[in-house]
Amino acid sequence: PEGRVAFVIGLLEARSLVFHATTFDPAYGKYSPGKALIHFIASWMVGKNLSTLDFGDGNEPYKYEVADREHVLSRIFVSGKNQLRFIAKTRFIQYVKDHPKMYHLYQNKLKPWASRAAAALHVPEIMEMFFF
């Protein structure tokens, strides 16, 4: 395949780079392009005097392979009262996070299944499109 193998959209905050969105070409999936991307990003960060690479929320395995600590992450949602879909989505997110069994089901069953389905269908992350 031609073009990019992987990319990340990051947010700069003080001396940190916060992963916002990452993706890679499924054709390269077996080669762990995300891990290679982390290597290149870390090298880039040294030249920019950035000391923290924050992977954000979630328990994806790569985070535990390269991170040296975990921080609690909170979300703040702001919207107008007429944004019903957004309000319903944020309440669902809060409900899932407040119920450990539901969160476990989402993280370990539903999200991996949806990610595999999205990769097979060559579409964006299904769960992200509908819920998060």
Protein backbone atom coordinates (compact mmCIF):
# COMPACT_ATOMS: atom_id res chain seq x y z
CA PRO A 1 0.00 0.00 0.00
CA GLU A 2 1.07 3.54 -0.67
CA GLY A 3 0.76 6.54 1.64
CA ARG A 4 0.98 6.78 5.39
CA VAL A 5 1.32 3.72 7.57
CA ALA A 6 0.16 5.40 10.80
CA PHE A 7 -0.53 8.83 12.23
CA VAL A 8 -1.51 10.50 15.46
CA ILE A 9 -3.21 13.77 16.28
CA GLY A 10 -1.79 15.13 19.50
CA LEU A 11 -2.43 18.06 21.76
CA LEU A 12 0.40 20.02 23.33
CA GLU A 13 0.02 20.97 26.97
CA ALA A 14 2.99 22.52 28.78
CA ARG A 15 5.77 19.89 28.37
CA SER A 16 3.37 17.08 27.45
CA LEU A 17 2.01 15.61 24.25
CA VAL A 18 -1.46 14.13 24.71
CA PHE A 19 -2.58 11.48 22.22
CA HIS A 20 -5.94 12.57 20.87
CA ALA A 21 -6.54 10.22 17.95
CA THR A 22 -4.38 7.54 16.37
CA THR A 23 -4.87 5.24 13.44
CA PHE A 24 -2.92 3.00 11.11
CA ASP A 25 -3.36 1.24 7.80
CA PRO A 26 -4.82 -2.22 8.61
CA ALA A 27 -2.51 -3.74 5.97
CA TYR A 28 0.38 -3.09 8.39
CA GLY A 29 -1.45 -4.19 11.54
CA LYS A 30 0.69 -7.28 12.17
CA TYR A 31 3.82 -5.07 12.28
CA SER A 32 2.58 -2.89 15.19
CA PRO A 33 2.76 0.48 13.39
CA GLY A 34 1.41 2.22 16.50
CA LYS A 35 4.41 1.07 18.53
CA ALA A 36 6.77 2.26 15.82
CA LEU A 37 4.94 5.58 15.80
CA ILE A 38 5.52 5.92 19.56
CA HIS A 39 9.26 5.50 18.96
CA PHE A 40 9.32 8.27 16.34
CA ILE A 41 7.15 10.55 18.45
CA ALA A 42 9.40 10.09 21.49
CA SER A 43 12.44 10.99 19.38
CA TRP A 44 10.64 14.09 18.08
CA MET A 45 9.64 15.06 21.64
CA VAL A 46 13.29 15.13 22.79
CA GLY A 47 14.06 17.88 20.27
CA LYS A 48 11.02 19.86 21.44
CA ASN A 49 11.87 19.52 25.17
CA LEU A 50 8.66 17.60 25.85
CA SER A 51 8.89 15.18 28.77
CA THR A 52 5.50 13.42 28.95
CA LEU A 53 3.66 11.36 26.36
CA ASP A 54 0.10 10.96 27.66
CA PHE A 55 -1.84 8.13 25.98
CA GLY A 56 -5.20 9.22 27.35
CA ASP A 57 -8.04 7.06 28.58
CA GLY A 58 -8.36 3.34 27.91
CA ASN A 59 -6.59 0.13 28.76
CA GLU A 60 -5.10 -0.87 25.42
CA PRO A 61 -2.19 -3.30 25.95
CA TYR A 62 0.47 -1.10 24.32
CA LYS A 63 -0.04 1.52 27.05
CA TYR A 64 1.12 -0.92 29.71
CA GLU A 65 4.10 -1.99 27.61
CA VAL A 66 5.57 1.50 27.25
CA ALA A 67 4.16 3.64 30.08
CA ASP A 68 5.81 3.94 33.46
CA ARG A 69 2.71 5.04 35.42
CA GLU A 70 -1.04 5.47 35.16
CA HIS A 71 -3.03 8.58 36.01
CA VAL A 72 -6.76 8.92 36.59
CA LEU A 73 -8.37 10.72 33.69
CA SER A 74 -11.57 12.71 34.03
CA ARG A 75 -13.80 14.15 31.35
CA ILE A 76 -15.78 17.35 31.36
CA PHE A 77 -18.69 17.60 28.94
CA VAL A 78 -20.21 20.94 28.00
CA SER A 79 -23.15 21.42 25.66
CA GLY A 80 -26.29 23.38 25.10
CA LYS A 81 -29.48 21.86 26.48
CA ASN A 82 -30.84 21.23 22.96
CA GLN A 83 -27.97 18.86 22.04
CA LEU A 84 -29.92 15.74 23.02
CA ARG A 85 -27.72 13.17 21.24
CA PHE A 86 -24.60 14.60 22.89
CA ILE A 87 -26.27 14.66 26.32
CA ALA A 88 -27.47 11.07 25.95
CA LYS A 89 -24.01 9.96 24.85
CA THR A 90 -22.29 11.62 27.81
CA ARG A 91 -24.77 10.14 30.27
CA PHE A 92 -24.15 6.72 28.78
CA ILE A 93 -20.38 7.20 29.12
CA GLN A 94 -20.80 8.21 32.76
CA TYR A 95 -23.09 5.23 33.45
CA VAL A 96 -20.58 2.79 31.95
CA LYS A 97 -17.67 4.30 33.89
CA ASP A 98 -19.65 4.24 37.15
CA HIS A 99 -20.44 0.50 36.82
CA PRO A 100 -17.28 -1.65 36.87
CA LYS A 101 -18.92 -4.73 35.34
CA MET A 102 -20.35 -2.67 32.49
CA TYR A 103 -16.99 -0.93 31.96
CA HIS A 104 -15.19 -4.28 31.94
CA LEU A 105 -17.66 -5.64 29.38
CA TYR A 106 -17.16 -2.56 27.19
CA GLN A 107 -13.33 -2.51 27.44
CA ASN A 108 -12.68 -6.24 27.16
CA LYS A 109 -15.48 -7.55 24.92
CA LEU A 110 -17.43 -4.91 23.03
CA LYS A 111 -14.62 -2.47 22.17
CA PRO A 112 -12.17 -5.14 20.91
CA TRP A 113 -14.92 -6.77 18.84
CA ALA A 114 -15.90 -3.40 17.35
CA SER A 115 -12.26 -2.55 16.59
CA ARG A 116 -11.75 -5.84 14.76
CA ALA A 117 -15.00 -5.32 12.83
CA ALA A 118 -14.01 -1.76 11.87
CA ALA A 119 -10.58 -2.93 10.68
CA ALA A 120 -12.12 -5.75 8.64
CA LEU A 121 -14.63 -3.38 7.06
CA HIS A 122 -12.04 -0.60 6.58
CA VAL A 123 -14.20 1.94 8.41
CA PRO A 124 -13.45 4.27 11.34
CA GLU A 125 -13.76 2.88 14.84
CA ILE A 126 -17.39 1.78 15.13
CA MET A 127 -17.70 2.41 18.87
CA GLU A 128 -16.26 5.88 18.51
CA MET A 129 -18.76 6.74 15.80
CA PHE A 130 -21.78 5.62 17.80
CA PHE A 131 -20.90 6.08 21.46
CA PHE A 132 -17.67 7.89 22.21
